[in-house]
N, C-alpha and C. Protein backbone atom coordinates (compact mmCIF):
# COMPACT_ATOMS: atom_id res chain seq x y z
N MET A 1 122.74 93.10 86.25
CA MET A 1 121.57 92.27 86.56
C MET A 1 121.38 91.20 85.47
N THR A 2 120.68 90.14 85.80
CA THR A 2 120.49 89.06 84.84
C THR A 2 119.52 89.47 83.75
N MET A 3 119.51 88.68 82.66
CA MET A 3 118.64 88.98 81.53
C MET A 3 117.17 88.92 81.94
N ASP A 4 116.82 88.01 82.89
CA ASP A 4 115.43 87.92 83.34
C ASP A 4 114.98 89.23 83.96
N ILE A 5 115.81 89.82 84.80
CA ILE A 5 115.46 91.08 85.44
C ILE A 5 115.38 92.19 84.39
N GLN A 6 116.26 92.13 83.41
CA GLN A 6 116.21 93.13 82.34
C GLN A 6 114.89 93.02 81.58
N ASN A 7 114.43 91.79 81.38
CA ASN A 7 113.16 91.60 80.68
C ASN A 7 111.99 92.12 81.51
N ILE A 8 112.10 91.95 82.84
CA ILE A 8 111.05 92.47 83.72
C ILE A 8 110.95 93.99 83.56
N LEU A 9 112.11 94.66 83.60
CA LEU A 9 112.12 96.11 83.44
C LEU A 9 111.60 96.51 82.06
N LYS A 10 112.01 95.77 81.04
CA LYS A 10 111.55 96.06 79.68
C LYS A 10 110.03 95.98 79.59
N ASN A 11 109.45 94.95 80.21
CA ASN A 11 108.00 94.79 80.20
C ASN A 11 107.31 95.92 80.97
N ILE A 12 107.95 96.34 82.08
CA ILE A 12 107.38 97.44 82.87
C ILE A 12 107.37 98.73 82.05
N LEU A 13 108.47 99.01 81.38
CA LEU A 13 108.56 100.23 80.57
C LEU A 13 107.56 100.21 79.43
N GLU A 14 107.41 99.04 78.80
CA GLU A 14 106.42 98.92 77.72
C GLU A 14 105.01 99.12 78.26
N GLY A 15 104.78 98.64 79.48
CA GLY A 15 103.47 98.81 80.09
C GLY A 15 103.16 100.26 80.39
N LEU A 16 104.19 101.03 80.76
CA LEU A 16 104.00 102.45 81.03
C LEU A 16 103.55 103.20 79.79
N ASP A 17 104.03 102.76 78.64
CA ASP A 17 103.63 103.40 77.38
C ASP A 17 102.14 103.22 77.11
N LYS A 18 101.55 102.19 77.71
CA LYS A 18 100.15 101.89 77.46
C LYS A 18 99.22 102.55 78.47
N ILE A 19 99.82 103.19 79.50
CA ILE A 19 98.99 103.84 80.51
C ILE A 19 98.24 105.00 79.89
N ASP A 20 96.98 105.06 80.17
CA ASP A 20 96.15 106.15 79.66
C ASP A 20 95.10 106.48 80.71
N TYR A 21 94.49 107.62 80.59
CA TYR A 21 93.45 107.97 81.53
C TYR A 21 92.09 107.92 80.84
N ILE A 22 91.03 107.87 81.65
CA ILE A 22 89.68 107.86 81.11
C ILE A 22 89.36 109.29 80.66
N ARG A 23 89.19 109.45 79.38
CA ARG A 23 88.90 110.79 78.87
C ARG A 23 87.45 111.16 79.17
N PRO A 24 87.19 112.44 79.45
CA PRO A 24 85.83 112.88 79.76
C PRO A 24 84.81 112.46 78.71
N GLU A 25 85.24 112.46 77.44
CA GLU A 25 84.30 112.07 76.39
C GLU A 25 83.95 110.59 76.42
N ASP A 26 84.77 109.79 77.15
CA ASP A 26 84.46 108.37 77.30
C ASP A 26 83.46 108.11 78.41
N VAL A 27 83.24 109.11 79.25
CA VAL A 27 82.30 108.97 80.36
C VAL A 27 80.89 109.24 79.85
N PRO A 28 79.95 108.35 80.15
CA PRO A 28 78.58 108.54 79.68
C PRO A 28 78.02 109.90 80.08
N GLY A 29 77.30 110.52 79.18
CA GLY A 29 76.71 111.83 79.44
C GLY A 29 75.40 111.74 80.18
N ILE A 30 74.97 110.53 80.51
CA ILE A 30 73.74 110.35 81.27
C ILE A 30 74.06 109.81 82.66
N ASP A 31 73.17 110.03 83.60
CA ASP A 31 73.38 109.52 84.96
C ASP A 31 73.26 108.00 84.99
N LEU A 32 74.05 107.38 85.85
CA LEU A 32 74.11 105.92 85.91
C LEU A 32 73.71 105.40 87.28
N TYR A 33 73.13 104.21 87.28
CA TYR A 33 72.88 103.52 88.54
C TYR A 33 74.17 102.85 89.01
N MET A 34 74.18 102.42 90.27
CA MET A 34 75.39 101.86 90.87
C MET A 34 75.99 100.73 90.05
N ASP A 35 75.19 99.77 89.61
CA ASP A 35 75.72 98.64 88.83
C ASP A 35 76.37 99.12 87.54
N GLN A 36 75.79 100.13 86.93
CA GLN A 36 76.36 100.67 85.71
C GLN A 36 77.69 101.39 85.97
N VAL A 37 77.79 102.03 87.14
CA VAL A 37 79.03 102.70 87.52
C VAL A 37 80.16 101.70 87.70
N THR A 38 79.91 100.64 88.48
CA THR A 38 80.97 99.64 88.74
C THR A 38 81.37 98.94 87.45
N THR A 39 80.41 98.68 86.56
CA THR A 39 80.72 98.05 85.27
C THR A 39 81.58 98.96 84.42
N PHE A 40 81.23 100.23 84.37
CA PHE A 40 82.00 101.19 83.59
C PHE A 40 83.43 101.31 84.10
N MET A 41 83.59 101.44 85.43
CA MET A 41 84.92 101.60 86.01
C MET A 41 85.77 100.35 85.80
N ASP A 42 85.17 99.20 85.91
CA ASP A 42 85.91 97.95 85.72
C ASP A 42 86.36 97.82 84.27
N ARG A 43 85.51 98.22 83.35
CA ARG A 43 85.86 98.13 81.93
C ARG A 43 86.97 99.12 81.58
N GLN A 44 86.93 100.30 82.16
CA GLN A 44 87.90 101.33 81.82
C GLN A 44 89.24 101.14 82.53
N LEU A 45 89.22 100.62 83.76
CA LEU A 45 90.44 100.54 84.56
C LEU A 45 90.88 99.10 84.83
N GLY A 46 90.22 98.15 84.21
CA GLY A 46 90.53 96.75 84.45
C GLY A 46 91.96 96.37 84.16
N SER A 47 92.60 97.04 83.21
CA SER A 47 93.97 96.69 82.83
C SER A 47 94.97 97.04 83.94
N SER A 48 94.56 97.85 84.90
CA SER A 48 95.47 98.25 85.99
C SER A 48 95.46 97.26 87.15
N LYS A 49 94.59 96.25 87.08
CA LYS A 49 94.51 95.28 88.16
C LYS A 49 95.76 94.41 88.21
N ARG A 50 96.21 94.12 89.41
CA ARG A 50 97.37 93.23 89.57
C ARG A 50 96.97 91.78 89.36
N TYR A 51 95.82 91.41 89.96
CA TYR A 51 95.29 90.06 89.81
C TYR A 51 93.91 90.12 89.19
N GLU A 52 93.56 89.09 88.46
CA GLU A 52 92.29 89.06 87.74
C GLU A 52 91.10 89.23 88.68
N GLU A 53 91.22 88.66 89.89
CA GLU A 53 90.09 88.70 90.83
C GLU A 53 89.98 90.03 91.57
N ASP A 54 90.96 90.91 91.42
CA ASP A 54 90.91 92.22 92.08
C ASP A 54 89.71 93.02 91.60
N LYS A 55 89.20 93.86 92.50
CA LYS A 55 88.06 94.71 92.17
C LYS A 55 88.52 96.15 92.01
N ILE A 56 88.06 96.81 90.98
CA ILE A 56 88.37 98.22 90.78
C ILE A 56 87.60 99.05 91.80
N LEU A 57 86.30 98.94 91.76
CA LEU A 57 85.41 99.60 92.72
C LEU A 57 84.21 98.69 92.97
N THR A 58 83.79 98.60 94.20
CA THR A 58 82.61 97.82 94.54
C THR A 58 81.52 98.75 95.07
N LYS A 59 80.32 98.22 95.19
CA LYS A 59 79.22 99.00 95.75
C LYS A 59 79.55 99.46 97.16
N THR A 60 80.16 98.56 97.94
CA THR A 60 80.52 98.91 99.31
C THR A 60 81.52 100.04 99.36
N MET A 61 82.52 99.99 98.49
CA MET A 61 83.51 101.06 98.43
C MET A 61 82.85 102.40 98.13
N ILE A 62 82.02 102.42 97.11
CA ILE A 62 81.38 103.68 96.68
C ILE A 62 80.47 104.22 97.78
N ASN A 63 79.72 103.34 98.44
CA ASN A 63 78.87 103.76 99.55
C ASN A 63 79.70 104.34 100.69
N ASN A 64 80.86 103.74 100.95
CA ASN A 64 81.74 104.24 102.00
C ASN A 64 82.32 105.61 101.64
N TYR A 65 82.61 105.81 100.36
CA TYR A 65 83.14 107.11 99.93
C TYR A 65 82.10 108.21 100.16
N ALA A 66 80.85 107.89 99.85
CA ALA A 66 79.78 108.87 100.08
C ALA A 66 79.57 109.09 101.58
N LYS A 67 79.62 108.01 102.35
CA LYS A 67 79.44 108.09 103.80
C LYS A 67 80.52 108.94 104.44
N ASN A 68 81.74 108.85 103.92
CA ASN A 68 82.88 109.59 104.47
C ASN A 68 83.10 110.93 103.77
N HIS A 69 82.13 111.35 102.97
CA HIS A 69 82.14 112.67 102.32
C HIS A 69 83.27 112.84 101.32
N LEU A 70 83.73 111.74 100.75
CA LEU A 70 84.68 111.84 99.66
C LEU A 70 83.93 112.07 98.35
N LEU A 71 82.72 111.57 98.31
CA LEU A 71 81.89 111.63 97.10
C LEU A 71 80.52 112.19 97.47
N PRO A 72 80.07 113.23 96.76
CA PRO A 72 78.72 113.74 97.03
C PRO A 72 77.69 112.63 96.81
N PRO A 73 76.61 112.62 97.57
CA PRO A 73 75.62 111.56 97.43
C PRO A 73 74.97 111.58 96.04
N PRO A 74 74.56 110.42 95.55
CA PRO A 74 73.88 110.37 94.24
C PRO A 74 72.51 111.02 94.32
N GLU A 75 72.03 111.43 93.17
CA GLU A 75 70.70 112.02 93.11
C GLU A 75 69.72 110.97 92.59
N LYS A 76 68.78 110.60 93.43
CA LYS A 76 67.80 109.56 93.11
C LYS A 76 68.49 108.26 92.69
N LYS A 77 69.55 107.92 93.45
CA LYS A 77 70.32 106.69 93.26
C LYS A 77 71.09 106.66 91.94
N LYS A 78 71.25 107.83 91.32
CA LYS A 78 71.99 107.90 90.07
C LYS A 78 73.24 108.78 90.22
N TYR A 79 74.30 108.36 89.52
CA TYR A 79 75.57 109.05 89.60
C TYR A 79 75.84 109.79 88.29
N SER A 80 76.23 111.05 88.42
CA SER A 80 76.46 111.89 87.25
C SER A 80 77.87 111.68 86.70
N LYS A 81 78.14 112.35 85.59
CA LYS A 81 79.47 112.32 84.99
C LYS A 81 80.51 112.84 85.97
N GLU A 82 80.15 113.89 86.73
CA GLU A 82 81.07 114.45 87.71
C GLU A 82 81.38 113.45 88.81
N HIS A 83 80.39 112.66 89.20
CA HIS A 83 80.62 111.61 90.19
C HIS A 83 81.69 110.64 89.68
N LEU A 84 81.58 110.25 88.44
CA LEU A 84 82.52 109.28 87.87
C LEU A 84 83.93 109.86 87.79
N LEU A 85 84.04 111.14 87.47
CA LEU A 85 85.36 111.76 87.41
C LEU A 85 86.01 111.77 88.79
N LEU A 86 85.20 112.05 89.82
CA LEU A 86 85.72 112.03 91.18
C LEU A 86 86.13 110.61 91.58
N LEU A 87 85.38 109.63 91.14
CA LEU A 87 85.72 108.24 91.47
C LEU A 87 87.05 107.83 90.86
N VAL A 88 87.37 108.37 89.69
CA VAL A 88 88.67 108.06 89.09
C VAL A 88 89.79 108.64 89.95
N PHE A 89 89.61 109.88 90.40
CA PHE A 89 90.59 110.48 91.30
C PHE A 89 90.75 109.62 92.56
N ILE A 90 89.63 109.22 93.14
CA ILE A 90 89.66 108.42 94.37
C ILE A 90 90.38 107.10 94.13
N TYR A 91 90.15 106.50 92.98
CA TYR A 91 90.78 105.21 92.67
C TYR A 91 92.29 105.30 92.78
N TYR A 92 92.86 106.40 92.30
CA TYR A 92 94.31 106.56 92.35
C TYR A 92 94.79 107.02 93.73
N PHE A 93 94.04 107.92 94.36
CA PHE A 93 94.46 108.43 95.66
C PHE A 93 94.39 107.38 96.77
N LYS A 94 93.41 106.49 96.70
CA LYS A 94 93.16 105.59 97.82
C LYS A 94 94.30 104.62 98.09
N ASN A 95 95.18 104.44 97.13
CA ASN A 95 96.31 103.53 97.33
C ASN A 95 97.45 104.16 98.13
N ILE A 96 97.44 105.47 98.27
CA ILE A 96 98.55 106.12 98.98
C ILE A 96 98.10 107.08 100.07
N LEU A 97 96.85 107.50 100.07
CA LEU A 97 96.38 108.49 101.04
C LEU A 97 95.29 107.93 101.94
N SER A 98 95.22 108.46 103.15
CA SER A 98 94.16 108.07 104.08
C SER A 98 92.85 108.71 103.68
N ILE A 99 91.77 108.20 104.23
CA ILE A 99 90.46 108.77 103.96
C ILE A 99 90.42 110.24 104.38
N SER A 100 90.99 110.54 105.53
CA SER A 100 90.96 111.92 106.02
C SER A 100 91.73 112.86 105.10
N ASP A 101 92.83 112.39 104.53
CA ASP A 101 93.59 113.23 103.60
C ASP A 101 92.80 113.48 102.31
N ILE A 102 92.14 112.44 101.82
CA ILE A 102 91.34 112.61 100.61
C ILE A 102 90.17 113.55 100.89
N GLN A 103 89.60 113.46 102.08
CA GLN A 103 88.53 114.38 102.47
C GLN A 103 89.01 115.82 102.40
N SER A 104 90.19 116.09 102.96
CA SER A 104 90.73 117.45 102.97
C SER A 104 91.00 117.94 101.54
N LEU A 105 91.45 117.04 100.70
CA LEU A 105 91.78 117.39 99.32
C LEU A 105 90.52 117.63 98.49
N PHE A 106 89.48 116.85 98.77
CA PHE A 106 88.25 116.92 97.99
C PHE A 106 87.27 117.99 98.45
N ALA A 107 87.35 118.38 99.72
CA ALA A 107 86.37 119.33 100.25
C ALA A 107 86.25 120.60 99.41
N PRO A 108 87.35 121.31 99.14
CA PRO A 108 87.22 122.51 98.30
C PRO A 108 86.90 122.18 96.85
N LEU A 109 87.32 121.01 96.41
CA LEU A 109 87.07 120.61 95.02
C LEU A 109 85.58 120.42 94.77
N THR A 110 84.92 119.67 95.65
CA THR A 110 83.49 119.40 95.46
C THR A 110 82.63 120.61 95.79
N GLU A 111 83.07 121.39 96.79
CA GLU A 111 82.28 122.55 97.19
C GLU A 111 82.23 123.62 96.10
N LYS A 112 83.36 123.81 95.43
CA LYS A 112 83.45 124.92 94.49
C LYS A 112 83.18 124.52 93.04
N TYR A 113 83.47 123.25 92.69
CA TYR A 113 83.43 122.89 91.27
C TYR A 113 82.46 121.75 90.93
N PHE A 114 81.87 121.11 91.92
CA PHE A 114 80.97 119.99 91.65
C PHE A 114 79.53 120.50 91.50
N HIS A 115 78.99 120.35 90.29
CA HIS A 115 77.62 120.78 90.00
C HIS A 115 77.39 122.25 90.39
N THR A 116 78.32 123.10 90.01
CA THR A 116 78.16 124.53 90.25
C THR A 116 78.26 125.27 88.92
N ASP A 117 78.03 126.57 88.99
CA ASP A 117 78.14 127.38 87.76
C ASP A 117 79.48 128.12 87.70
N HIS A 118 80.47 127.59 88.41
CA HIS A 118 81.79 128.21 88.39
C HIS A 118 82.36 128.17 86.97
N ALA A 119 83.16 129.19 86.64
CA ALA A 119 83.73 129.28 85.29
C ALA A 119 84.61 128.08 84.97
N ILE A 120 85.25 127.54 85.98
CA ILE A 120 86.07 126.34 85.79
C ILE A 120 85.28 125.13 86.28
N GLN A 121 84.96 124.25 85.38
CA GLN A 121 84.16 123.08 85.72
C GLN A 121 85.06 121.91 86.11
N LEU A 122 84.49 120.97 86.86
CA LEU A 122 85.23 119.80 87.30
C LEU A 122 85.82 119.02 86.13
N GLU A 123 85.09 118.97 85.03
CA GLU A 123 85.57 118.24 83.86
C GLU A 123 86.87 118.85 83.32
N ARG A 124 86.95 120.17 83.34
CA ARG A 124 88.17 120.82 82.86
C ARG A 124 89.34 120.52 83.80
N ILE A 125 89.09 120.55 85.10
CA ILE A 125 90.13 120.24 86.08
C ILE A 125 90.65 118.82 85.84
N TYR A 126 89.73 117.90 85.68
CA TYR A 126 90.08 116.49 85.44
C TYR A 126 90.94 116.36 84.18
N THR A 127 90.50 116.99 83.11
CA THR A 127 91.20 116.87 81.83
C THR A 127 92.62 117.44 81.91
N GLU A 128 92.76 118.61 82.50
CA GLU A 128 94.08 119.23 82.57
C GLU A 128 95.03 118.45 83.47
N VAL A 129 94.53 117.98 84.60
CA VAL A 129 95.38 117.24 85.53
C VAL A 129 95.88 115.94 84.90
N PHE A 130 95.00 115.19 84.28
CA PHE A 130 95.41 113.91 83.72
C PHE A 130 96.25 114.06 82.46
N SER A 131 96.06 115.14 81.73
CA SER A 131 96.93 115.37 80.57
C SER A 131 98.35 115.68 81.04
N LEU A 132 98.48 116.34 82.19
CA LEU A 132 99.80 116.59 82.76
C LEU A 132 100.47 115.29 83.18
N GLU A 133 99.68 114.40 83.79
CA GLU A 133 100.23 113.11 84.23
C GLU A 133 100.75 112.32 83.04
N LYS A 134 100.02 112.35 81.95
CA LYS A 134 100.42 111.61 80.76
C LYS A 134 101.78 112.09 80.26
N LYS A 135 102.04 113.38 80.37
CA LYS A 135 103.30 113.94 79.90
C LYS A 135 104.49 113.53 80.77
N GLN A 136 104.21 113.03 81.97
CA GLN A 136 105.28 112.65 82.88
C GLN A 136 105.80 111.24 82.64
N ILE A 137 105.18 110.49 81.75
CA ILE A 137 105.57 109.10 81.54
C ILE A 137 107.03 108.96 81.11
N GLU A 138 107.47 109.78 80.17
CA GLU A 138 108.84 109.68 79.68
C GLU A 138 109.84 109.98 80.80
N ALA A 139 109.54 110.99 81.62
CA ALA A 139 110.42 111.31 82.74
C ALA A 139 110.44 110.17 83.75
N LEU A 140 109.30 109.56 83.97
CA LEU A 140 109.22 108.43 84.88
C LEU A 140 110.02 107.24 84.37
N LYS A 141 109.92 106.98 83.08
CA LYS A 141 110.69 105.88 82.49
C LYS A 141 112.18 106.11 82.64
N ALA A 142 112.62 107.33 82.41
CA ALA A 142 114.04 107.65 82.54
C ALA A 142 114.51 107.47 83.98
N ASP A 143 113.66 107.84 84.92
CA ASP A 143 114.00 107.69 86.34
C ASP A 143 114.10 106.21 86.72
N LEU A 144 113.19 105.40 86.20
CA LEU A 144 113.23 103.96 86.47
C LEU A 144 114.52 103.34 85.94
N VAL A 145 114.89 103.71 84.73
CA VAL A 145 116.12 103.17 84.14
C VAL A 145 117.33 103.59 84.95
N SER A 146 117.35 104.85 85.41
CA SER A 146 118.46 105.34 86.20
C SER A 146 118.59 104.57 87.51
N LYS A 147 117.48 104.34 88.18
CA LYS A 147 117.50 103.58 89.44
C LYS A 147 117.90 102.13 89.18
N TYR A 148 117.44 101.59 88.10
CA TYR A 148 117.79 100.21 87.72
C TYR A 148 119.30 100.08 87.52
N GLU A 149 119.88 101.04 86.83
CA GLU A 149 121.31 101.00 86.56
C GLU A 149 122.11 101.19 87.85
N THR A 150 121.63 102.08 88.72
CA THR A 150 122.30 102.30 90.00
C THR A 150 122.27 101.04 90.86
N ALA A 151 121.10 100.39 90.90
CA ALA A 151 120.97 99.15 91.67
C ALA A 151 121.88 98.07 91.12
N GLY A 152 122.09 98.07 89.81
CA GLY A 152 122.93 97.06 89.17
C GLY A 152 124.40 97.19 89.54
N GLU A 153 124.76 98.34 90.10
CA GLU A 153 126.16 98.55 90.49
C GLU A 153 126.44 98.14 91.94
N THR A 154 125.41 97.68 92.65
CA THR A 154 125.59 97.30 94.05
C THR A 154 126.04 95.85 94.19
N PHE A 155 126.62 95.54 95.33
CA PHE A 155 127.01 94.18 95.71
C PHE A 155 127.86 93.48 94.63
N SER A 156 128.82 94.22 94.11
CA SER A 156 129.67 93.65 93.06
C SER A 156 130.50 92.47 93.54
N GLU A 157 130.73 92.37 94.87
CA GLU A 157 131.56 91.29 95.41
C GLU A 157 130.76 90.03 95.71
N ALA A 158 129.43 90.10 95.60
CA ALA A 158 128.58 88.96 95.96
C ALA A 158 128.63 87.89 94.89
N SER A 159 128.26 86.67 95.29
CA SER A 159 128.17 85.58 94.33
C SER A 159 127.05 85.89 93.35
N GLU A 160 127.03 85.21 92.20
CA GLU A 160 126.03 85.48 91.17
C GLU A 160 124.62 85.31 91.71
N GLU A 161 124.42 84.24 92.49
CA GLU A 161 123.09 83.97 93.03
C GLU A 161 122.66 85.07 94.00
N ASP A 162 123.57 85.45 94.91
CA ASP A 162 123.24 86.51 95.87
C ASP A 162 123.09 87.86 95.18
N LYS A 163 123.94 88.12 94.21
CA LYS A 163 123.93 89.42 93.53
C LYS A 163 122.59 89.68 92.84
N ASP A 164 122.04 88.66 92.20
CA ASP A 164 120.77 88.83 91.49
C ASP A 164 119.68 89.30 92.44
N PHE A 165 119.57 88.60 93.59
CA PHE A 165 118.53 88.98 94.55
C PHE A 165 118.80 90.34 95.17
N LEU A 166 120.04 90.58 95.59
CA LEU A 166 120.37 91.82 96.28
C LEU A 166 120.23 93.04 95.37
N GLU A 167 120.54 92.88 94.10
CA GLU A 167 120.34 93.99 93.16
C GLU A 167 118.85 94.28 92.98
N MET A 168 118.05 93.23 92.88
CA MET A 168 116.60 93.44 92.78
C MET A 168 116.08 94.08 94.06
N PHE A 169 116.56 93.61 95.21
CA PHE A 169 116.15 94.19 96.49
C PHE A 169 116.53 95.67 96.56
N SER A 170 117.72 96.00 96.11
CA SER A 170 118.18 97.40 96.09
C SER A 170 117.27 98.25 95.20
N PHE A 171 116.92 97.71 94.04
CA PHE A 171 116.05 98.42 93.10
C PHE A 171 114.69 98.70 93.74
N ILE A 172 114.13 97.68 94.38
CA ILE A 172 112.82 97.84 95.04
C ILE A 172 112.92 98.86 96.18
N CYS A 173 114.02 98.82 96.94
CA CYS A 173 114.19 99.77 98.04
C CYS A 173 114.27 101.21 97.53
N MET A 174 114.98 101.40 96.44
CA MET A 174 115.09 102.75 95.88
C MET A 174 113.73 103.27 95.43
N LEU A 175 112.96 102.41 94.78
CA LEU A 175 111.62 102.80 94.34
C LEU A 175 110.72 103.07 95.54
N SER A 176 110.83 102.24 96.57
CA SER A 176 109.99 102.39 97.76
C SER A 176 110.32 103.68 98.49
N PHE A 177 111.59 104.02 98.59
CA PHE A 177 111.98 105.25 99.25
C PHE A 177 111.46 106.46 98.49
N ASP A 178 111.47 106.37 97.17
CA ASP A 178 110.94 107.44 96.34
C ASP A 178 109.45 107.66 96.62
N VAL A 179 108.71 106.55 96.71
CA VAL A 179 107.28 106.64 97.02
C VAL A 179 107.07 107.22 98.42
N TYR A 180 107.88 106.76 99.38
CA TYR A 180 107.78 107.23 100.77
C TYR A 180 107.98 108.74 100.85
N VAL A 181 109.01 109.24 100.19
CA VAL A 181 109.31 110.67 100.24
C VAL A 181 108.18 111.48 99.59
N LYS A 182 107.71 111.02 98.44
CA LYS A 182 106.64 111.75 97.75
C LYS A 182 105.34 111.72 98.54
N LYS A 183 105.06 110.61 99.19
CA LYS A 183 103.87 110.52 100.04
C LYS A 183 103.99 111.51 101.19
N HIS A 184 105.17 111.61 101.77
CA HIS A 184 105.41 112.55 102.87
C HIS A 184 105.18 113.98 102.39
N VAL A 185 105.67 114.29 101.20
CA VAL A 185 105.48 115.64 100.64
C VAL A 185 104.00 115.92 100.41
N ILE A 186 103.28 114.94 99.84
CA ILE A 186 101.84 115.11 99.59
C ILE A 186 101.10 115.40 100.89
N GLU A 187 101.42 114.65 101.94
CA GLU A 187 100.76 114.86 103.23
C GLU A 187 101.03 116.26 103.78
N LYS A 188 102.28 116.72 103.63
CA LYS A 188 102.61 118.07 104.09
C LYS A 188 101.82 119.13 103.32
N LEU A 189 101.67 118.91 102.02
CA LEU A 189 100.91 119.86 101.20
C LEU A 189 99.44 119.87 101.60
N ILE A 190 98.88 118.70 101.84
CA ILE A 190 97.48 118.60 102.25
C ILE A 190 97.27 119.30 103.59
N ASP A 191 98.24 119.18 104.49
CA ASP A 191 98.13 119.83 105.79
C ASP A 191 98.09 121.35 105.68
N GLN A 192 98.55 121.88 104.55
CA GLN A 192 98.56 123.33 104.36
C GLN A 192 97.30 123.84 103.66
N LEU A 193 96.43 122.93 103.25
CA LEU A 193 95.20 123.36 102.58
C LEU A 193 94.32 124.15 103.54
N PRO A 194 93.65 125.18 103.04
CA PRO A 194 92.74 125.95 103.89
C PRO A 194 91.68 125.04 104.51
N GLY A 195 91.50 125.18 105.81
CA GLY A 195 90.48 124.39 106.49
C GLY A 195 90.95 123.02 106.93
N SER A 196 92.19 122.67 106.62
CA SER A 196 92.69 121.36 107.04
C SER A 196 92.74 121.30 108.55
N GLU A 197 92.26 120.18 109.11
CA GLU A 197 92.23 120.02 110.56
C GLU A 197 93.20 118.98 111.05
N LYS A 198 94.15 118.59 110.17
CA LYS A 198 95.04 117.50 110.55
C LYS A 198 96.40 117.97 111.06
N LYS A 199 96.57 119.28 111.19
CA LYS A 199 97.86 119.76 111.66
C LYS A 199 98.11 119.27 113.09
N GLY A 200 99.13 118.45 113.23
CA GLY A 200 99.48 117.94 114.55
C GLY A 200 98.62 116.80 115.00
N LYS A 201 97.67 116.35 114.15
CA LYS A 201 96.79 115.26 114.54
C LYS A 201 97.17 113.98 113.84
N LYS A 202 96.76 112.88 114.42
CA LYS A 202 97.07 111.57 113.85
C LYS A 202 96.25 111.35 112.61
N LYS A 203 96.87 110.81 111.58
CA LYS A 203 96.18 110.53 110.32
C LYS A 203 95.18 109.40 110.52
N GLY A 204 94.10 109.42 109.73
CA GLY A 204 93.11 108.37 109.79
C GLY A 204 93.60 107.13 109.09
N SER A 205 92.76 106.11 109.07
CA SER A 205 93.13 104.84 108.45
C SER A 205 93.13 104.99 106.94
N GLU A 206 93.81 104.06 106.27
CA GLU A 206 93.88 104.13 104.82
C GLU A 206 92.51 103.88 104.20
N ALA A 207 92.25 104.52 103.08
CA ALA A 207 90.99 104.33 102.38
C ALA A 207 90.91 102.91 101.85
N SER A 208 89.69 102.38 101.80
CA SER A 208 89.52 101.01 101.32
C SER A 208 89.46 100.98 99.81
């Protein structure tokens, strides 16, 4: 592949090193109004935006999450720390899962661990899950490099101009297939959750 494409990969790998999650101690210990919630989320997750004008979470999004039972309703128009932790989960899930799938995934989570006296609190679940994700960065980087190198071996007979594009296209296809397979696996796992009603049924629309 050309040096430009190598630089793109280099920048991507460097960006992965900077990925971090919102730690529970960074979440305000007091309940917040809607405007304060959107401001907090934008400040914490703003670096993940593709374009400057993109929105992390809007009032409409949050209201829709509550309406669709992804998020428990606020108490006196205020959102607790647990609400914010759930919103972080939703932020990541909504890009790959339908609303109905997130509902199935969240139903036991909110029923058993949201504002309850269970021995395992939602904050602990959040902390352990995201600490595991952080540990996967190195494995993810190695996988990206492997796919990059494999894509670089394709279309060896093509002209330089065609080869550059086709190698990049091959790289994107490999990454896309990886996402497709993992999404399929996630959906199968969700279908096995107790109380899931989506077995054999059509999936709902993607979350906004």
